[in-house]
Amino acid sequence: MKTYKMHDAKTNLSKIVNEVKEGEVVYIAKSNKIVAELRPVTKKKGEFPFGVYKGKIKVSEDWDSQDVNEQVSNLFDQS
C-alpha cells in the first residue's frame, strides 16, 4: 500500500498509473487524510449472450395495461 500526497500524485501521475497497472493499490491523501483509492480495473465477466432466454419467458397480454400499472404503483406506495 502506497500513499501519495495530492501534490506528489499530480506530479507523479504516470508513475502512479504504472504502479496501479502492475497490481499495486495506491492511496491519495489531502491534508494527511486519505481521500481516494486507486486500484487496478478487474476484468469484466463475459458478455451476457443475447437471446439466451428466448422462448423461456412468457409475458401476459395485459402486461402494460392501466390495471396492471395501477397494481404495481400501489405495491410501491405500500413500501
Protein backbone atom coordinates (compact mmCIF):
# COMPACT_ATOMS: atom_id res chain seq x y z
CA MET A 1 0.00 0.00 0.00
CA LYS A 2 1.48 3.30 -1.09
CA THR A 3 0.15 6.72 -0.16
CA TYR A 4 0.88 9.90 -2.07
CA LYS A 5 0.10 13.45 -1.02
CA MET A 6 -2.06 15.35 -3.52
CA HIS A 7 0.80 17.43 -4.91
CA ASP A 8 3.03 14.36 -5.30
CA ALA A 9 0.22 12.47 -7.00
CA LYS A 10 -0.25 15.24 -9.57
CA THR A 11 3.50 15.37 -10.20
CA ASN A 12 3.90 11.59 -10.49
CA LEU A 13 0.65 10.57 -12.14
CA SER A 14 2.29 8.45 -14.87
CA LYS A 15 4.38 6.62 -12.29
CA ILE A 16 1.34 6.01 -10.11
CA VAL A 17 -0.72 4.71 -13.03
CA ASN A 18 2.08 2.26 -13.86
CA GLU A 19 2.15 1.05 -10.26
CA VAL A 20 -1.60 0.51 -10.31
CA LYS A 21 -1.33 -1.22 -13.67
CA GLU A 22 1.13 -3.66 -12.07
CA GLY A 23 -1.39 -4.50 -9.35
CA GLU A 24 -0.50 -2.01 -6.62
CA VAL A 25 -3.25 -0.26 -4.67
CA VAL A 26 -2.40 3.42 -4.24
CA TYR A 27 -3.99 5.94 -1.90
CA ILE A 28 -4.14 9.71 -2.39
CA ALA A 29 -4.12 11.92 0.71
CA LYS A 30 -5.13 15.52 1.18
CA SER A 31 -4.14 17.21 4.45
CA ASN A 32 -2.83 13.83 5.63
CA LYS A 33 -6.27 12.23 5.23
CA ILE A 34 -6.79 9.52 2.60
CA VAL A 35 -9.42 10.73 0.15
CA ALA A 36 -9.01 8.39 -2.83
CA GLU A 37 -8.04 4.83 -3.63
CA LEU A 38 -6.65 3.78 -6.98
CA ARG A 39 -6.74 0.10 -7.82
CA PRO A 40 -6.39 -1.98 -10.97
CA VAL A 41 -9.51 -2.48 -13.03
CA THR A 42 -10.75 -6.03 -12.78
CA LYS A 43 -11.68 -7.83 -15.93
CA LYS A 44 -15.36 -7.82 -16.73
CA LYS A 45 -17.25 -11.06 -16.80
CA GLY A 46 -18.15 -12.30 -20.24
CA GLU A 47 -21.00 -10.58 -22.00
CA PHE A 48 -24.43 -11.97 -21.40
CA PRO A 49 -25.38 -13.84 -24.57
CA PHE A 50 -28.19 -12.12 -26.43
CA GLY A 51 -31.33 -14.22 -26.75
CA VAL A 52 -30.37 -16.84 -24.17
CA TYR A 53 -33.89 -16.75 -22.67
CA LYS A 54 -35.77 -16.57 -25.96
CA GLY A 55 -38.90 -18.70 -25.71
CA LYS A 56 -38.39 -19.35 -21.99
CA ILE A 57 -40.15 -16.28 -20.62
CA LYS A 58 -43.85 -15.69 -21.10
CA VAL A 59 -45.32 -12.19 -20.84
CA SER A 60 -49.06 -11.79 -20.40
CA GLU A 61 -51.01 -9.82 -23.00
CA ASP A 62 -52.01 -7.17 -20.45
CA TRP A 63 -48.52 -6.57 -19.01
CA ASP A 64 -48.76 -2.84 -19.81
CA SER A 65 -52.44 -2.27 -19.16
CA GLN A 66 -53.75 0.52 -16.94
CA ASP A 67 -54.95 -2.01 -14.35
CA VAL A 68 -51.56 -3.74 -14.06
CA ASN A 69 -49.74 -0.38 -13.90
CA GLU A 70 -52.01 0.72 -11.04
CA GLN A 71 -51.36 -2.55 -9.18
CA VAL A 72 -47.60 -2.09 -9.50
CA SER A 73 -47.87 1.55 -8.44
CA ASN A 74 -49.86 0.52 -5.37
CA LEU A 75 -47.18 -2.01 -4.43
CA PHE A 76 -44.58 0.78 -4.45
CA ASP A 77 -46.84 3.06 -2.43
CA GLN A 78 -47.23 0.37 0.27
CA SER A 79 -43.49 0.07 0.88
